[in-house]
């Protein structure tokens, strides 16, 4: 108890309110150009254990613990909030940019061997999916009017994802660590980056890519 309420500060300590009471001089106070002291009173009183602070009785702090998303009071007064509660999982039907079902999580993609070419129309499909993804995040956060959806996926990072389309095709497994090596995106949450992984995985399985040498493609 003394360590929490009477820490060692190296200040001059008074143990009574009397003017000529005992004084313990501290090194910091002695070196200071102005008076630095505090008064520590021992009232010789011991409170009951169930009425002491949270240090002696940790259960006292439970009443002041912060609530989580499952707190019923949040949903009871949700209509009075300026911003709606962000749900852990969107209630609307899943789409190509949302979480896939367990049956479709098995990848059928085979990594491309050799040189291939991604058409501009195929790259545009991926761009539209990423734009829809960040707009969905913006809506899940209440569609705030004071910032745009680009906050959730900045244009620089969006362009970086599109620049590495060929690498997505030549890699068998797309993971969050793989994307983090390609695109520097410090503000992204891991859960959101996992959604980007699914978007890219869906895209490369759905596009019709002509796997022929680049020299044989028409200009």
C-alpha atoms as a PDB file:
ATOM      1  CA  UNK A   1       0.000   0.000   0.000  1.00  0.00           C
ATOM      2  CA  UNK A   2       2.782   2.410   0.870  1.00  0.00           C
ATOM      3  CA  UNK A   3       4.447   1.860  -2.528  1.00  0.00           C
ATOM      4  CA  UNK A   4       1.291   3.003  -4.334  1.00  0.00           C
ATOM      5  CA  UNK A   5       0.298   5.992  -2.220  1.00  0.00           C
ATOM      6  CA  UNK A   6       3.730   7.082  -0.892  1.00  0.00           C
ATOM      7  CA  UNK A   7       6.199   6.631  -3.726  1.00  0.00           C
ATOM      8  CA  UNK A   8       9.828   7.598  -3.343  1.00  0.00           C
ATOM      9  CA  UNK A   9      10.205  11.077  -4.886  1.00  0.00           C
ATOM     10  CA  UNK A  10      13.370  12.368  -3.160  1.00  0.00           C
ATOM     11  CA  UNK A  11      11.385  15.418  -2.038  1.00  0.00           C
ATOM     12  CA  UNK A  12      11.361  16.908   1.449  1.00  0.00           C
ATOM     13  CA  UNK A  13       8.689  15.099   3.481  1.00  0.00           C
ATOM     14  CA  UNK A  14       6.651  16.524   6.352  1.00  0.00           C
ATOM     15  CA  UNK A  15       4.867  13.990   8.531  1.00  0.00           C
ATOM     16  CA  UNK A  16       2.693  16.511  10.425  1.00  0.00           C
ATOM     17  CA  UNK A  17       0.816  19.725   9.764  1.00  0.00           C
ATOM     18  CA  UNK A  18       2.560  21.478  12.636  1.00  0.00           C
ATOM     19  CA  UNK A  19       5.078  24.166  11.687  1.00  0.00           C
ATOM     20  CA  UNK A  20       7.925  22.631  13.721  1.00  0.00           C
ATOM     21  CA  UNK A  21       7.269  18.992  13.063  1.00  0.00           C
ATOM     22  CA  UNK A  22       9.767  16.341  11.915  1.00  0.00           C
ATOM     23  CA  UNK A  23      11.148  16.853   8.429  1.00  0.00           C
ATOM     24  CA  UNK A  24      12.994  14.461   6.131  1.00  0.00           C
ATOM     25  CA  UNK A  25      15.005  16.405   3.580  1.00  0.00           C
ATOM     26  CA  UNK A  26      15.030  15.054   0.042  1.00  0.00           C
ATOM     27  CA  UNK A  27      17.901  15.335  -2.442  1.00  0.00           C
ATOM     28  CA  UNK A  28      15.724  16.877  -5.174  1.00  0.00           C
ATOM     29  CA  UNK A  29      14.358  19.510  -2.828  1.00  0.00           C
ATOM     30  CA  UNK A  30      17.820  20.369  -1.533  1.00  0.00           C
ATOM     31  CA  UNK A  31      19.122  20.926  -5.073  1.00  0.00           C
ATOM     32  CA  UNK A  32      16.094  22.940  -6.242  1.00  0.00           C
ATOM     33  CA  UNK A  33      16.103  26.751  -6.279  1.00  0.00           C
ATOM     34  CA  UNK A  34      12.567  26.843  -4.856  1.00  0.00           C
ATOM     35  CA  UNK A  35      10.703  24.958  -2.167  1.00  0.00           C
ATOM     36  CA  UNK A  36       9.684  21.425  -3.080  1.00  0.00           C
ATOM     37  CA  UNK A  37       8.013  19.361  -0.374  1.00  0.00           C
ATOM     38  CA  UNK A  38       4.944  17.334   0.422  1.00  0.00           C
ATOM     39  CA  UNK A  39       3.159  16.154   3.530  1.00  0.00           C
ATOM     40  CA  UNK A  40       2.547  12.504   4.280  1.00  0.00           C
ATOM     41  CA  UNK A  41       0.124  11.872   7.125  1.00  0.00           C
ATOM     42  CA  UNK A  42      -0.307   8.506   8.765  1.00  0.00           C
ATOM     43  CA  UNK A  43      -3.786   8.570  10.295  1.00  0.00           C
ATOM     44  CA  UNK A  44      -3.365   5.067  11.734  1.00  0.00           C
ATOM     45  CA  UNK A  45      -6.630   3.968  10.214  1.00  0.00           C
ATOM     46  CA  UNK A  46      -7.246   0.758   8.334  1.00  0.00           C
ATOM     47  CA  UNK A  47     -10.396   0.545   6.186  1.00  0.00           C
ATOM     48  CA  UNK A  48     -12.340  -2.713   5.873  1.00  0.00           C
ATOM     49  CA  UNK A  49     -11.063  -4.924   3.097  1.00  0.00           C
ATOM     50  CA  UNK A  50     -14.312  -4.728   1.144  1.00  0.00           C
ATOM     51  CA  UNK A  51     -14.253  -0.905   1.267  1.00  0.00           C
ATOM     52  CA  UNK A  52     -10.649  -0.386   0.266  1.00  0.00           C
ATOM     53  CA  UNK A  53      -9.401   0.622  -3.177  1.00  0.00           C
ATOM     54  CA  UNK A  54      -8.972  -1.646  -6.185  1.00  0.00           C
ATOM     55  CA  UNK A  55      -5.408  -2.533  -5.133  1.00  0.00           C
ATOM     56  CA  UNK A  56      -6.613  -4.431  -2.067  1.00  0.00           C
ATOM     57  CA  UNK A  57      -9.976  -5.292  -3.554  1.00  0.00           C
ATOM     58  CA  UNK A  58      -9.687  -5.785  -7.360  1.00  0.00           C
ATOM     59  CA  UNK A  59     -13.418  -6.461  -7.722  1.00  0.00           C
ATOM     60  CA  UNK A  60     -14.121  -2.777  -7.057  1.00  0.00           C
ATOM     61  CA  UNK A  61     -12.793  -1.852 -10.511  1.00  0.00           C
ATOM     62  CA  UNK A  62     -15.110  -4.306 -12.283  1.00  0.00           C
ATOM     63  CA  UNK A  63     -17.993  -1.854 -12.031  1.00  0.00           C
ATOM     64  CA  UNK A  64     -16.018   0.681 -14.042  1.00  0.00           C
ATOM     65  CA  UNK A  65     -14.709  -1.659 -16.721  1.00  0.00           C
ATOM     66  CA  UNK A  66     -15.228  -0.460 -20.292  1.00  0.00           C
ATOM     67  CA  UNK A  67     -18.041  -2.142 -22.198  1.00  0.00           C
ATOM     68  CA  UNK A  68     -17.614  -4.172 -25.357  1.00  0.00           C
ATOM     69  CA  UNK A  69     -19.708  -4.482 -28.484  1.00  0.00           C
ATOM     70  CA  UNK A  70     -21.944  -7.074 -26.788  1.00  0.00           C
ATOM     71  CA  UNK A  71     -23.021  -4.760 -23.940  1.00  0.00           C
ATOM     72  CA  UNK A  72     -26.861  -4.708 -24.014  1.00  0.00           C
ATOM     73  CA  UNK A  73     -26.886  -1.039 -22.966  1.00  0.00           C
ATOM     74  CA  UNK A  74     -25.215  -0.065 -26.226  1.00  0.00           C
ATOM     75  CA  UNK A  75     -28.012  -1.611 -28.261  1.00  0.00           C
ATOM     76  CA  UNK A  76     -30.732  -0.264 -25.951  1.00  0.00           C
ATOM     77  CA  UNK A  77     -29.727   3.351 -26.594  1.00  0.00           C
ATOM     78  CA  UNK A  78     -28.290   2.817 -30.080  1.00  0.00           C
ATOM     79  CA  UNK A  79     -30.946   5.066 -31.621  1.00  0.00           C
ATOM     80  CA  UNK A  80     -29.560   8.049 -29.670  1.00  0.00           C
ATOM     81  CA  UNK A  81     -25.984   7.683 -30.951  1.00  0.00           C
ATOM     82  CA  UNK A  82     -24.614  10.194 -33.454  1.00  0.00           C
ATOM     83  CA  UNK A  83     -22.730   7.374 -35.202  1.00  0.00           C
ATOM     84  CA  UNK A  84     -24.190   3.881 -35.529  1.00  0.00           C
ATOM     85  CA  UNK A  85     -22.586   0.899 -33.835  1.00  0.00           C
ATOM     86  CA  UNK A  86     -20.031  -0.812 -36.045  1.00  0.00           C
ATOM     87  CA  UNK A  87     -21.056  -4.420 -36.382  1.00  0.00           C
ATOM     88  CA  UNK A  88     -18.386  -7.120 -36.359  1.00  0.00           C
ATOM     89  CA  UNK A  89     -20.076  -8.742 -39.354  1.00  0.00           C
ATOM     90  CA  UNK A  90     -22.262  -6.900 -41.889  1.00  0.00           C
ATOM     91  CA  UNK A  91     -25.889  -7.968 -41.858  1.00  0.00           C
ATOM     92  CA  UNK A  92     -26.376  -7.446 -45.582  1.00  0.00           C
ATOM     93  CA  UNK A  93     -25.929 -10.345 -48.007  1.00  0.00           C
ATOM     94  CA  UNK A  94     -22.398 -11.303 -48.810  1.00  0.00           C
ATOM     95  CA  UNK A  95     -20.877 -10.257 -52.123  1.00  0.00           C
ATOM     96  CA  UNK A  96     -17.715 -10.885 -54.069  1.00  0.00           C
ATOM     97  CA  UNK A  97     -15.834  -8.538 -51.732  1.00  0.00           C
ATOM     98  CA  UNK A  98     -17.189 -10.006 -48.511  1.00  0.00           C
ATOM     99  CA  UNK A  99     -16.226 -13.130 -46.669  1.00  0.00           C
ATOM    100  CA  UNK A 100     -16.683 -16.232 -48.751  1.00  0.00           C
ATOM    101  CA  UNK A 101     -18.477 -19.296 -47.479  1.00  0.00           C
ATOM    102  CA  UNK A 102     -16.575 -22.295 -46.208  1.00  0.00           C
ATOM    103  CA  UNK A 103     -17.436 -24.248 -49.361  1.00  0.00           C
ATOM    104  CA  UNK A 104     -15.707 -21.667 -51.568  1.00  0.00           C
ATOM    105  CA  UNK A 105     -12.613 -21.157 -49.442  1.00  0.00           C
ATOM    106  CA  UNK A 106     -10.790 -23.961 -51.208  1.00  0.00           C
ATOM    107  CA  UNK A 107      -8.659 -22.356 -53.900  1.00  0.00           C
ATOM    108  CA  UNK A 108      -8.683 -23.889 -57.368  1.00  0.00           C
ATOM    109  CA  UNK A 109      -6.091 -21.499 -58.741  1.00  0.00           C
ATOM    110  CA  UNK A 110      -2.888 -22.799 -60.284  1.00  0.00           C
ATOM    111  CA  UNK A 111       0.078 -20.441 -60.399  1.00  0.00           C
ATOM    112  CA  UNK A 112       1.001 -19.266 -63.898  1.00  0.00           C
ATOM    113  CA  UNK A 113       4.344 -20.517 -65.178  1.00  0.00           C
ATOM    114  CA  UNK A 114       6.285 -18.366 -67.583  1.00  0.00           C
ATOM    115  CA  UNK A 115       5.420 -14.937 -68.960  1.00  0.00           C
ATOM    116  CA  UNK A 116       1.824 -13.779 -69.046  1.00  0.00           C
ATOM    117  CA  UNK A 117      -0.038 -10.543 -69.649  1.00  0.00           C
ATOM    118  CA  UNK A 118      -2.834  -8.897 -67.685  1.00  0.00           C
ATOM    119  CA  UNK A 119      -5.198  -6.930 -69.878  1.00  0.00           C
ATOM    120  CA  UNK A 120      -6.268  -3.442 -68.871  1.00  0.00           C
ATOM    121  CA  UNK A 121      -9.878  -4.601 -68.662  1.00  0.00           C
ATOM    122  CA  UNK A 122      -8.892  -7.368 -66.228  1.00  0.00           C
ATOM    123  CA  UNK A 123      -6.937  -4.907 -64.104  1.00  0.00           C
ATOM    124  CA  UNK A 124      -9.942  -2.600 -64.076  1.00  0.00           C
ATOM    125  CA  UNK A 125     -12.068  -5.426 -62.626  1.00  0.00           C
ATOM    126  CA  UNK A 126      -9.682  -5.671 -59.677  1.00  0.00           C
ATOM    127  CA  UNK A 127      -9.668  -1.893 -59.256  1.00  0.00           C
ATOM    128  CA  UNK A 128     -13.465  -1.762 -59.102  1.00  0.00           C
ATOM    129  CA  UNK A 129     -13.497  -4.554 -56.495  1.00  0.00           C
ATOM    130  CA  UNK A 130     -11.003  -2.698 -54.300  1.00  0.00           C
ATOM    131  CA  UNK A 131     -12.949   0.560 -54.656  1.00  0.00           C
ATOM    132  CA  UNK A 132     -16.147  -1.242 -53.658  1.00  0.00           C
ATOM    133  CA  UNK A 133     -14.293  -2.770 -50.701  1.00  0.00           C
ATOM    134  CA  UNK A 134     -13.192   0.580 -49.288  1.00  0.00           C
ATOM    135  CA  UNK A 135     -16.663   2.044 -49.855  1.00  0.00           C
ATOM    136  CA  UNK A 136     -18.105  -0.863 -47.866  1.00  0.00           C
ATOM    137  CA  UNK A 137     -15.712  -0.095 -44.992  1.00  0.00           C
ATOM    138  CA  UNK A 138     -16.785   3.537 -45.129  1.00  0.00           C
ATOM    139  CA  UNK A 139     -20.434   2.527 -44.828  1.00  0.00           C
ATOM    140  CA  UNK A 140     -19.695   0.116 -41.972  1.00  0.00           C
ATOM    141  CA  UNK A 141     -18.204   3.046 -40.057  1.00  0.00           C
ATOM    142  CA  UNK A 142     -21.377   5.073 -40.431  1.00  0.00           C
ATOM    143  CA  UNK A 143     -20.685   6.840 -43.763  1.00  0.00           C
ATOM    144  CA  UNK A 144     -19.097   9.824 -41.977  1.00  0.00           C
ATOM    145  CA  UNK A 145     -19.326  13.019 -43.997  1.00  0.00           C
ATOM    146  CA  UNK A 146     -16.135  14.544 -42.619  1.00  0.00           C
ATOM    147  CA  UNK A 147     -13.843  12.137 -44.505  1.00  0.00           C
ATOM    148  CA  UNK A 148     -14.120  10.057 -47.651  1.00  0.00           C
ATOM    149  CA  UNK A 149     -13.807   6.340 -48.255  1.00  0.00           C
ATOM    150  CA  UNK A 150     -10.226   6.894 -49.440  1.00  0.00           C
ATOM    151  CA  UNK A 151      -9.210   6.989 -45.787  1.00  0.00           C
ATOM    152  CA  UNK A 152      -9.705   3.207 -45.607  1.00  0.00           C
ATOM    153  CA  UNK A 153      -7.732   2.500 -48.794  1.00  0.00           C
ATOM    154  CA  UNK A 154      -5.676   5.499 -49.957  1.00  0.00           C
ATOM    155  CA  UNK A 155      -5.155   5.990 -53.717  1.00  0.00           C
ATOM    156  CA  UNK A 156      -1.417   5.329 -53.434  1.00  0.00           C
ATOM    157  CA  UNK A 157      -1.988   1.905 -51.893  1.00  0.00           C
ATOM    158  CA  UNK A 158      -4.771   1.150 -54.366  1.00  0.00           C
ATOM    159  CA  UNK A 159      -2.445   1.829 -57.299  1.00  0.00           C
ATOM    160  CA  UNK A 160       0.265  -0.288 -55.663  1.00  0.00           C
ATOM    161  CA  UNK A 161      -2.066  -3.281 -55.460  1.00  0.00           C
ATOM    162  CA  UNK A 162      -2.827  -2.934 -59.173  1.00  0.00           C
ATOM    163  CA  UNK A 163       0.852  -2.730 -60.124  1.00  0.00           C
ATOM    164  CA  UNK A 164       1.510  -6.240 -58.821  1.00  0.00           C
ATOM    165  CA  UNK A 165      -1.171  -8.125 -60.768  1.00  0.00           C
ATOM    166  CA  UNK A 166       1.381 -10.389 -62.447  1.00  0.00           C
ATOM    167  CA  UNK A 167       2.821 -11.390 -59.077  1.00  0.00           C
ATOM    168  CA  UNK A 168      -0.631 -12.458 -57.902  1.00  0.00           C
ATOM    169  CA  UNK A 169      -0.819 -14.816 -60.861  1.00  0.00           C
ATOM    170  CA  UNK A 170       2.650 -16.313 -60.427  1.00  0.00           C
ATOM    171  CA  UNK A 171       2.161 -16.996 -56.698  1.00  0.00           C
ATOM    172  CA  UNK A 172       0.230 -20.035 -55.579  1.00  0.00           C
ATOM    173  CA  UNK A 173      -0.903 -18.672 -52.209  1.00  0.00           C
ATOM    174  CA  UNK A 174      -1.864 -15.060 -51.473  1.00  0.00           C
ATOM    175  CA  UNK A 175      -1.401 -14.173 -47.794  1.00  0.00           C
ATOM    176  CA  UNK A 176      -1.389 -10.999 -45.707  1.00  0.00           C
ATOM    177  CA  UNK A 177       2.368 -11.218 -45.204  1.00  0.00           C
ATOM    178  CA  UNK A 178       2.818 -11.546 -48.975  1.00  0.00           C
ATOM    179  CA  UNK A 179       0.807  -8.368 -49.604  1.00  0.00           C
ATOM    180  CA  UNK A 180       2.618  -6.465 -46.862  1.00  0.00           C
ATOM    181  CA  UNK A 181       5.894  -7.110 -48.659  1.00  0.00           C
ATOM    182  CA  UNK A 182       4.488  -5.687 -51.882  1.00  0.00           C
ATOM    183  CA  UNK A 183       2.483  -2.729 -50.602  1.00  0.00           C
ATOM    184  CA  UNK A 184       3.436  -0.475 -47.691  1.00  0.00           C
ATOM    185  CA  UNK A 185       0.195   0.179 -45.828  1.00  0.00           C
ATOM    186  CA  UNK A 186       0.854   0.915 -42.141  1.00  0.00           C
ATOM    187  CA  UNK A 187      -2.663   2.019 -41.207  1.00  0.00           C
ATOM    188  CA  UNK A 188      -4.480  -1.128 -42.332  1.00  0.00           C
ATOM    189  CA  UNK A 189      -6.075  -3.490 -39.833  1.00  0.00           C
ATOM    190  CA  UNK A 190      -5.271  -7.165 -40.190  1.00  0.00           C
ATOM    191  CA  UNK A 191      -8.935  -8.066 -40.675  1.00  0.00           C
ATOM    192  CA  UNK A 192      -9.236  -5.571 -43.545  1.00  0.00           C
ATOM    193  CA  UNK A 193      -6.045  -6.849 -45.162  1.00  0.00           C
ATOM    194  CA  UNK A 194      -7.457 -10.365 -45.028  1.00  0.00           C
ATOM    195  CA  UNK A 195     -10.456  -9.083 -46.992  1.00  0.00           C
ATOM    196  CA  UNK A 196      -8.085  -7.722 -49.625  1.00  0.00           C
ATOM    197  CA  UNK A 197      -6.478 -11.168 -49.799  1.00  0.00           C
ATOM    198  CA  UNK A 198      -9.871 -12.706 -50.575  1.00  0.00           C
ATOM    199  CA  UNK A 199     -10.625 -10.021 -53.168  1.00  0.00           C
ATOM    200  CA  UNK A 200      -7.386 -10.673 -55.029  1.00  0.00           C
ATOM    201  CA  UNK A 201      -7.854 -14.448 -54.751  1.00  0.00           C
ATOM    202  CA  UNK A 202     -11.367 -14.205 -56.186  1.00  0.00           C
ATOM    203  CA  UNK A 203     -10.174 -11.910 -58.961  1.00  0.00           C
ATOM    204  CA  UNK A 204      -7.377 -14.125 -60.216  1.00  0.00           C
ATOM    205  CA  UNK A 205      -9.644 -17.191 -60.234  1.00  0.00           C
ATOM    206  CA  UNK A 206     -12.404 -15.415 -62.139  1.00  0.00           C
ATOM    207  CA  UNK A 207     -10.515 -13.625 -64.912  1.00  0.00           C
ATOM    208  CA  UNK A 208      -9.955 -15.337 -68.255  1.00  0.00           C
ATOM    209  CA  UNK A 209      -6.209 -14.933 -68.726  1.00  0.00           C
ATOM    210  CA  UNK A 210      -4.573 -16.036 -71.948  1.00  0.00           C
ATOM    211  CA  UNK A 211      -1.439 -17.814 -70.753  1.00  0.00           C
ATOM    212  CA  UNK A 212       0.737 -17.257 -73.814  1.00  0.00           C
ATOM    213  CA  UNK A 213       4.157 -15.701 -74.265  1.00  0.00           C
ATOM    214  CA  UNK A 214       4.064 -11.910 -74.305  1.00  0.00           C
ATOM    215  CA  UNK A 215       5.568 -11.835 -77.826  1.00  0.00           C
ATOM    216  CA  UNK A 216       2.482 -13.575 -79.232  1.00  0.00           C
ATOM    217  CA  UNK A 217       0.023 -11.008 -77.890  1.00  0.00           C
ATOM    218  CA  UNK A 218      -1.391  -8.488 -80.320  1.00  0.00           C
ATOM    219  CA  UNK A 219      -0.429  -4.899 -79.562  1.00  0.00           C
END
